[in-house]
Every structure is written in C-alpha cells, then in structure tokens.
Amino acid sequence: MNMKLREADARAVDLLLDRAASAQGNGGNGGMFTAMVAPSHAGVSNDQVAAVEKVLHLLDAMPAQDPGQDLLSRTLAHIDNSTAAPLRGSNPALIDAGRPVA
C-alpha cells in the first residue's frame, strides 16, 4: 500500500514536530530560536492534529526490531559494490590560500 500525506496532514505533522523541538529546547537556547523561526501553521485544524497524534502514538507503541546480525557486513558490501567514485583528492581546494582571511 502506497499512501501519501495530504497537504493539511503534512502541516499538522510539521506543527507537532515544531512543538516537540521547542519543548526539548533544541539549539541550546530553551527553544526560543525554534519558536521564532517556526513556519506559520495556519489552516491546521485540531482534528488534523489529533489524528496525526493518534498515528504517531500508534507507531511509538509498535515494537522496535533489532537490526540483523549481518548489518555491518551488508553495509560494507554495499559500499564496496557502489559505483560512485571516491571523493578523496578529487575536490579542488575550497579555501584560496592566496586570499587574505579577515
């Protein structure tokens, strides 16, 4: 089943996550900065927030599965089989040594 959040539901999720971040005081300032820059959540009804909270509580109640014993070996094998080129030494210098730094 492939479900997608409606725009109103997504705003309700954002509102809950913003509240949680503010309550935890992310940023080391007691949540003041998070509260100031949180986007407006106009158009989010209490019913939408309540429905999202129910889903999140249901997900929280589900048992967490431990990762498989072979997770590390599968991850390393995936990295070894990757076709991406290594970045080491291929990037130009990001800082111009000939330019003064204030």
C-alpha atoms as a PDB file:
ATOM      1  CA  MET A   1       0.000   0.000   0.000  1.00  0.00           C
ATOM      2  CA  ASN A   2       1.463   3.349  -1.067  1.00  0.00           C
ATOM      3  CA  MET A   3      -0.088   6.217   0.870  1.00  0.00           C
ATOM      4  CA  LYS A   4       0.781   9.862   0.707  1.00  0.00           C
ATOM      5  CA  LEU A   5       0.103  12.594   3.235  1.00  0.00           C
ATOM      6  CA  ARG A   6      -2.319  15.273   2.212  1.00  0.00           C
ATOM      7  CA  GLU A   7      -1.020  18.835   2.477  1.00  0.00           C
ATOM      8  CA  ALA A   8      -3.145  19.538   5.571  1.00  0.00           C
ATOM      9  CA  ASP A   9      -1.859  16.370   7.266  1.00  0.00           C
ATOM     10  CA  ALA A  10       1.727  17.297   6.427  1.00  0.00           C
ATOM     11  CA  ARG A  11       1.206  20.716   8.042  1.00  0.00           C
ATOM     12  CA  ALA A  12      -0.187  19.005  11.149  1.00  0.00           C
ATOM     13  CA  VAL A  13       2.906  16.757  11.329  1.00  0.00           C
ATOM     14  CA  ASP A  14       5.153  19.815  10.923  1.00  0.00           C
ATOM     15  CA  LEU A  15       3.269  21.585  13.703  1.00  0.00           C
ATOM     16  CA  LEU A  16       3.729  18.646  16.088  1.00  0.00           C
ATOM     17  CA  LEU A  17       7.424  18.319  15.236  1.00  0.00           C
ATOM     18  CA  ASP A  18       7.961  22.055  15.733  1.00  0.00           C
ATOM     19  CA  ARG A  19       6.235  21.853  19.123  1.00  0.00           C
ATOM     20  CA  ALA A  20       8.383  18.881  20.114  1.00  0.00           C
ATOM     21  CA  ALA A  21      11.588  20.660  19.083  1.00  0.00           C
ATOM     22  CA  SER A  22      10.573  23.775  21.005  1.00  0.00           C
ATOM     23  CA  ALA A  23       9.683  21.745  24.093  1.00  0.00           C
ATOM     24  CA  GLN A  24      13.061  19.988  24.031  1.00  0.00           C
ATOM     25  CA  GLY A  25      14.900  23.267  23.649  1.00  0.00           C
ATOM     26  CA  ASN A  26      16.868  22.274  20.545  1.00  0.00           C
ATOM     27  CA  GLY A  27      19.587  24.773  19.792  1.00  0.00           C
ATOM     28  CA  GLY A  28      20.705  25.333  23.371  1.00  0.00           C
ATOM     29  CA  ASN A  29      18.517  28.366  23.872  1.00  0.00           C
ATOM     30  CA  GLY A  30      15.492  26.868  25.563  1.00  0.00           C
ATOM     31  CA  GLY A  31      13.622  26.591  22.284  1.00  0.00           C
ATOM     32  CA  MET A  32      13.412  30.354  21.778  1.00  0.00           C
ATOM     33  CA  PHE A  33      15.040  30.311  18.339  1.00  0.00           C
ATOM     34  CA  THR A  34      12.969  27.351  17.154  1.00  0.00           C
ATOM     35  CA  ALA A  35       9.776  29.068  18.227  1.00  0.00           C
ATOM     36  CA  MET A  36      10.768  32.279  16.427  1.00  0.00           C
ATOM     37  CA  VAL A  37      11.594  30.649  13.093  1.00  0.00           C
ATOM     38  CA  ALA A  38       8.856  28.001  13.046  1.00  0.00           C
ATOM     39  CA  PRO A  39       6.744  28.451   9.943  1.00  0.00           C
ATOM     40  CA  SER A  40       3.141  29.510  10.239  1.00  0.00           C
ATOM     41  CA  HIS A  41       0.717  26.639  10.532  1.00  0.00           C
ATOM     42  CA  ALA A  42      -2.418  28.445   9.504  1.00  0.00           C
ATOM     43  CA  GLY A  43      -5.119  26.116   8.311  1.00  0.00           C
ATOM     44  CA  VAL A  44      -4.243  23.216  10.613  1.00  0.00           C
ATOM     45  CA  SER A  45      -7.350  22.084  12.448  1.00  0.00           C
ATOM     46  CA  ASN A  46      -7.424  20.497  15.878  1.00  0.00           C
ATOM     47  CA  ASP A  47      -8.942  17.383  14.289  1.00  0.00           C
ATOM     48  CA  GLN A  48      -5.964  17.015  11.943  1.00  0.00           C
ATOM     49  CA  VAL A  49      -3.504  17.413  14.819  1.00  0.00           C
ATOM     50  CA  ALA A  50      -5.431  14.859  16.904  1.00  0.00           C
ATOM     51  CA  ALA A  51      -5.439  12.368  14.010  1.00  0.00           C
ATOM     52  CA  VAL A  52      -1.703  12.772  13.454  1.00  0.00           C
ATOM     53  CA  GLU A  53      -1.048  12.353  17.182  1.00  0.00           C
ATOM     54  CA  LYS A  54      -3.018   9.083  17.157  1.00  0.00           C
ATOM     55  CA  VAL A  55      -0.925   7.724  14.301  1.00  0.00           C
ATOM     56  CA  LEU A  56       2.334   8.792  15.943  1.00  0.00           C
ATOM     57  CA  HIS A  57       1.314   7.200  19.265  1.00  0.00           C
ATOM     58  CA  LEU A  58       0.418   4.004  17.416  1.00  0.00           C
ATOM     59  CA  LEU A  59       3.815   3.963  15.711  1.00  0.00           C
ATOM     60  CA  ASP A  60       5.516   4.627  19.046  1.00  0.00           C
ATOM     61  CA  ALA A  61       3.732   1.642  20.593  1.00  0.00           C
ATOM     62  CA  MET A  62       4.972  -0.734  17.901  1.00  0.00           C
ATOM     63  CA  PRO A  63       7.919  -2.901  18.918  1.00  0.00           C
ATOM     64  CA  ALA A  64      11.258  -1.824  17.512  1.00  0.00           C
ATOM     65  CA  GLN A  65      13.120  -4.547  15.690  1.00  0.00           C
ATOM     66  CA  ASP A  66      16.795  -5.013  16.336  1.00  0.00           C
ATOM     67  CA  PRO A  67      18.959  -4.742  13.230  1.00  0.00           C
ATOM     68  CA  GLY A  68      20.099  -8.004  11.689  1.00  0.00           C
ATOM     69  CA  GLN A  69      23.369  -9.558  12.826  1.00  0.00           C
ATOM     70  CA  ASP A  70      24.773  -9.096   9.336  1.00  0.00           C
ATOM     71  CA  LEU A  71      24.008  -5.352   9.076  1.00  0.00           C
ATOM     72  CA  LEU A  72      27.653  -4.298   9.199  1.00  0.00           C
ATOM     73  CA  SER A  73      28.781  -6.805   6.584  1.00  0.00           C
ATOM     74  CA  ARG A  74      25.849  -5.936   4.277  1.00  0.00           C
ATOM     75  CA  THR A  75      26.607  -2.213   4.628  1.00  0.00           C
ATOM     76  CA  LEU A  76      30.289  -2.677   3.844  1.00  0.00           C
ATOM     77  CA  ALA A  77      29.432  -4.915   0.875  1.00  0.00           C
ATOM     78  CA  HIS A  78      27.044  -2.258  -0.410  1.00  0.00           C
ATOM     79  CA  ILE A  79      29.796   0.361  -0.132  1.00  0.00           C
ATOM     80  CA  ASP A  80      32.286  -1.920  -1.904  1.00  0.00           C
ATOM     81  CA  ASN A  81      29.804  -2.578  -4.720  1.00  0.00           C
ATOM     82  CA  SER A  82      28.955   1.087  -5.128  1.00  0.00           C
ATOM     83  CA  THR A  83      29.756   2.649  -8.496  1.00  0.00           C
ATOM     84  CA  ALA A  84      30.314   6.091  -7.005  1.00  0.00           C
ATOM     85  CA  ALA A  85      33.798   7.493  -7.458  1.00  0.00           C
ATOM     86  CA  PRO A  86      35.731   8.209  -4.269  1.00  0.00           C
ATOM     87  CA  LEU A  87      35.832  11.871  -3.324  1.00  0.00           C
ATOM     88  CA  ARG A  88      39.236  11.771  -1.705  1.00  0.00           C
ATOM     89  CA  GLY A  89      41.634  14.098  -3.508  1.00  0.00           C
ATOM     90  CA  SER A  90      39.258  14.880  -6.360  1.00  0.00           C
ATOM     91  CA  ASN A  91      37.793  18.108  -4.983  1.00  0.00           C
ATOM     92  CA  PRO A  92      39.512  21.424  -5.602  1.00  0.00           C
ATOM     93  CA  ALA A  93      40.646  23.373  -2.561  1.00  0.00           C
ATOM     94  CA  LEU A  94      37.685  25.151  -1.028  1.00  0.00           C
ATOM     95  CA  ILE A  95      39.817  27.875   0.532  1.00  0.00           C
ATOM     96  CA  ASP A  96      42.063  30.062  -1.605  1.00  0.00           C
ATOM     97  CA  ALA A  97      45.353  30.187   0.303  1.00  0.00           C
ATOM     98  CA  GLY A  98      46.413  33.268  -1.655  1.00  0.00           C
ATOM     99  CA  ARG A  99      43.444  35.305  -0.482  1.00  0.00           C
ATOM    100  CA  PRO A 100      43.551  37.093   2.889  1.00  0.00           C
ATOM    101  CA  VAL A 101      41.084  35.968   5.524  1.00  0.00           C
ATOM    102  CA  ALA A 102      39.568  38.638   7.761  1.00  0.00           C
END
